[in-house]
Protein backbone atom coordinates (compact mmCIF):
# COMPACT_ATOMS: atom_id res chain seq x y z
CA MET A 1 117.97 203.30 235.11
CA THR A 2 117.16 204.77 231.85
CA THR A 3 120.29 206.88 231.19
CA SER A 4 123.03 205.07 229.14
CA PRO A 5 126.21 204.53 231.13
CA HIS A 6 128.16 205.73 227.98
CA ALA A 7 126.07 209.01 228.34
CA LEU A 8 127.01 209.44 232.17
CA LEU A 9 130.54 208.66 231.31
CA GLY A 10 130.26 211.32 228.35
CA ILE A 11 128.85 214.06 230.29
CA ALA A 12 131.31 213.43 233.20
CA ALA A 13 133.85 213.88 230.48
CA VAL A 14 132.53 217.09 229.26
CA ALA A 15 131.90 218.30 232.99
CA LEU A 16 135.64 217.71 233.67
CA GLY A 17 136.91 219.27 230.65
CA LEU A 18 134.59 222.38 231.27
CA VAL A 19 135.51 222.79 234.88
CA LEU A 20 139.24 222.43 234.43
CA THR A 21 139.08 225.36 231.63
CA PRO A 22 139.52 228.66 233.34
CA GLY A 23 136.15 230.73 233.25
CA PRO A 24 134.16 232.92 235.67
CA ASN A 25 133.65 230.18 238.54
CA MET A 26 137.07 229.06 238.73
CA ILE A 27 138.79 232.53 238.49
CA TYR A 28 136.10 233.96 241.28
CA LEU A 29 136.64 230.77 243.70
CA VAL A 30 140.43 230.74 243.33
CA SER A 31 140.54 234.68 243.92
CA ARG A 32 138.23 234.32 246.70
CA SER A 33 140.12 231.59 248.36
CA VAL A 34 143.57 232.96 247.88
CA THR A 35 142.48 236.49 249.39
CA GLN A 36 139.94 235.46 252.08
CA GLY A 37 140.82 231.73 252.73
CA ARG A 38 139.49 228.34 252.19
CA ARG A 39 136.37 228.89 254.31
CA ALA A 40 135.23 231.77 252.37
CA GLY A 41 136.05 229.85 249.23
CA LEU A 42 133.88 227.01 250.13
CA VAL A 43 130.89 229.02 251.10
CA SER A 44 131.24 230.69 247.81
CA LEU A 45 130.98 227.22 246.22
CA THR A 46 127.74 226.42 248.05
CA GLY A 47 126.45 229.62 246.18
CA VAL A 48 127.77 228.02 242.89
CA ALA A 49 126.00 224.66 243.95
CA ALA A 50 122.88 226.37 244.08
CA GLY A 51 123.32 227.92 240.61
CA PHE A 52 123.76 224.66 239.15
CA LEU A 53 120.52 223.29 240.72
CA VAL A 54 118.57 226.13 239.13
CA TYR A 55 120.05 225.11 235.70
CA LEU A 56 119.22 221.55 236.56
CA LEU A 57 115.64 222.33 237.34
CA ALA A 58 115.23 224.22 234.19
CA ALA A 59 116.77 221.37 232.16
CA THR A 60 114.20 218.69 233.63
CA ALA A 61 111.29 220.88 233.52
CA GLY A 62 110.80 220.87 229.73
CA LEU A 63 113.63 221.93 227.66
CA ALA A 64 113.29 218.79 225.71
CA THR A 65 109.55 219.51 224.94
CA VAL A 66 110.56 223.13 223.84
CA PHE A 67 113.25 221.76 221.43
CA SER A 68 110.83 219.35 220.13
CA LEU A 69 108.39 221.77 219.27
CA VAL A 70 110.79 224.49 217.46
CA PRO A 71 113.50 222.35 216.19
CA THR A 72 115.24 225.31 214.60
CA LEU A 73 115.85 226.51 218.31
CA TYR A 74 117.74 223.52 219.20
CA THR A 75 119.79 223.23 216.03
CA ALA A 76 120.73 227.13 216.67
CA LEU A 77 121.52 226.58 220.40
CA LYS A 78 123.51 223.48 219.43
CA LEU A 79 125.58 225.32 216.82
CA GLY A 80 125.75 228.33 219.29
CA GLY A 81 127.36 225.91 222.15
CA ALA A 82 129.92 224.36 219.42
CA ALA A 83 130.94 228.00 218.44
CA TYR A 84 131.23 229.05 222.00
CA LEU A 85 133.40 226.13 222.95
CA LEU A 86 135.56 226.81 219.97
CA TRP A 87 136.15 230.31 221.51
CA LEU A 88 136.95 229.03 224.84
CA ALA A 89 139.27 226.76 223.20
CA TRP A 90 140.93 229.63 221.43
CA LYS A 91 141.06 231.57 224.66
CA ALA A 92 143.01 228.75 226.23
CA VAL A 93 145.89 228.40 223.56
CA ARG A 94 146.18 231.86 222.29
CA PRO A 95 149.49 233.73 223.13
CA GLY A 96 149.10 235.41 226.43
CA GLY A 97 145.71 233.59 227.72
CA GLU A 98 144.94 234.27 230.90
CA SER A 99 145.31 231.71 233.88
CA ALA A 100 142.87 231.34 236.60
CA PHE A 101 145.81 231.00 239.05
CA ALA A 102 146.67 234.58 238.94
CA PRO A 103 144.16 235.73 241.17
CA LYS A 104 142.55 239.12 241.45
CA ALA A 105 142.24 240.91 244.94
CA LEU A 106 138.96 240.64 246.42
CA PRO A 107 137.29 242.37 249.51
CA VAL A 108 136.58 240.62 252.63
CA ASP A 109 132.77 239.68 252.46
CA PRO A 110 130.67 237.97 255.04
CA PRO A 111 129.08 234.43 254.37
CA ARG A 112 125.89 235.57 253.07
CA ARG A 113 127.58 237.84 250.31
CA LEU A 114 130.10 234.96 249.44
CA PHE A 115 127.26 232.66 248.88
CA ALA A 116 125.31 235.32 246.66
CA MET A 117 128.20 236.04 244.81
CA GLY A 118 128.99 232.51 244.00
CA PHE A 119 125.35 231.84 243.09
CA VAL A 120 125.26 234.92 240.77
CA THR A 121 128.71 233.92 239.19
CA ASN A 122 127.52 230.58 238.28
CA LEU A 123 123.95 231.89 237.03
CA LEU A 124 125.61 234.53 234.79
CA ASN A 125 128.46 232.05 233.55
CA PRO A 126 127.84 231.63 229.74
CA LYS A 127 129.91 228.18 229.82
CA ILE A 128 127.12 226.77 232.29
CA ALA A 129 124.48 228.18 230.30
CA ILE A 130 125.63 226.65 227.09
CA LEU A 131 126.50 223.19 229.29
CA TYR A 132 122.53 222.82 230.19
CA VAL A 133 120.84 224.36 227.16
CA SER A 134 123.18 222.78 224.16
CA LEU A 135 125.45 220.30 225.56
CA LEU A 136 123.37 218.05 228.10
CA PRO A 137 120.76 217.44 225.66
CA GLN A 138 123.26 215.98 223.42
CA PHE A 139 123.63 212.81 225.74
CA VAL A 140 119.57 212.50 226.21
CA ASP A 141 118.43 209.22 224.18
CA PRO A 142 115.01 209.75 223.62
CA GLY A 143 114.32 206.06 222.56
CA ARG A 144 115.24 205.22 226.58
CA GLY A 145 112.15 207.48 227.40
CA HIS A 146 112.00 209.60 230.62
CA VAL A 147 113.94 212.49 228.90
CA ALA A 148 113.52 214.31 232.25
CA GLY A 149 114.74 211.59 234.46
CA GLN A 150 117.44 211.15 231.88
CA SER A 151 118.16 215.15 231.98
CA LEU A 152 118.13 214.71 235.95
CA ALA A 153 120.76 211.86 236.17
CA LEU A 154 123.04 213.52 233.53
CA GLY A 155 122.87 217.05 235.52
CA LEU A 156 123.57 215.66 238.73
CA THR A 157 126.47 213.57 237.37
CA GLN A 158 127.80 217.03 236.19
CA ILE A 159 127.33 218.75 239.43
CA THR A 160 128.88 216.08 240.93
CA VAL A 161 131.93 216.36 238.93
CA ALA A 162 132.09 220.28 238.70
CA LEU A 163 131.51 220.64 242.61
CA THR A 164 134.23 217.95 243.50
CA VAL A 165 137.03 219.32 241.16
CA ASN A 166 136.03 222.92 242.33
CA ALA A 167 136.36 221.85 246.18
CA LEU A 168 139.80 220.46 245.40
CA ILE A 169 140.55 223.66 243.76
CA VAL A 170 139.40 225.98 246.57
CA LEU A 171 141.21 223.68 249.25
CA GLY A 172 144.63 223.94 247.02
CA ALA A 173 143.92 227.49 245.52
CA GLY A 174 147.05 228.97 247.21
CA SER A 175 149.62 226.34 246.85
CA LEU A 176 148.30 225.94 243.09
CA ALA A 177 148.67 229.58 242.65
CA ALA A 178 152.15 229.61 243.96
CA PHE A 179 153.34 226.28 242.31
CA LEU A 180 152.05 227.28 238.72
CA GLY A 181 153.27 230.68 239.15
CA ARG A 182 156.90 229.38 239.44
CA ARG A 183 156.36 227.06 236.36
CA PRO A 184 154.87 228.96 233.29
CA THR A 185 155.53 225.61 231.04
CA TRP A 186 152.79 223.80 233.22
CA LEU A 187 150.29 226.77 232.58
CA ARG A 188 151.00 226.21 228.98
CA VAL A 189 150.48 222.51 228.88
CA GLN A 190 147.16 222.83 230.80
CA ARG A 191 145.91 225.57 228.52
CA TYR A 192 146.55 223.62 225.37
CA LEU A 193 145.04 220.24 226.76
CA MET A 194 142.00 221.93 227.73
CA GLY A 195 142.00 223.96 224.45
CA THR A 196 142.44 220.52 222.38
CA VAL A 197 139.35 218.89 224.50
CA LEU A 198 137.00 221.79 223.96
CA ALA A 199 137.89 222.01 220.36
CA GLY A 200 137.19 218.29 219.94
CA LEU A 201 133.85 218.64 221.73
CA ALA A 202 132.73 221.75 219.60
CA VAL A 203 133.32 219.42 216.43
CA ARG A 204 131.56 216.63 217.82
CA ILE A 205 128.67 218.79 218.69
CA ALA A 206 128.48 220.54 215.66
CA ALA A 207 128.60 217.37 213.21
CA ASP A 208 125.91 215.53 215.30
CA ARG A 209 122.66 215.76 213.57
CA SER A 210 120.38 214.16 216.33
CA ARG A 211 117.50 215.59 217.60
CA VAL A 212 115.64 216.06 220.90
CA LEU A 213 112.21 214.73 221.12
CA ALA A 214 109.56 215.29 223.67
CA THR A 215 109.14 213.60 226.66
CA PRO A 216 106.67 210.60 225.96
């Protein structure tokens, strides 16, 4: 295997931090699960999974080559990713920050629309776009060769973490919403913890001076 175990652990940690931070995917899945049931939440999650696969295919199809040809683009996207993580961190810790476990009412939809909504929600989720365009390349080591293979392994690791956590959230959405709704202190702890993790990742990415090279 060409991918470093440290890189796999690193992307797993990033994926865990991002999936636990309230965003479009979590808000939609929780709202759907609470208003329409677990089955609807899981069908929606399959759409989210399809969105992840689209990003993964794009990442393995030549992002590294594009970045090697236009290094300024890579730098701009990296700094943009760091700035976006800082913005997410601020949203998490700011006074009055929203909780994903205060679900919004949604209409009852058939399975096909549930899948489509999950798919589109993930494709249009800026957090996921930044993950694949700016964050994932940080864990690719050109010296190990097979950049596309490394991107595939890292992306599959991220998808596994994200889908596992989201499935658990879907299955326990109703109970979690009720539990956290009665315990605002727990919500504040979760927000500050995730805000700290995201801010740390942003600083690490902004300070990193490595460059992605083309696939040999």
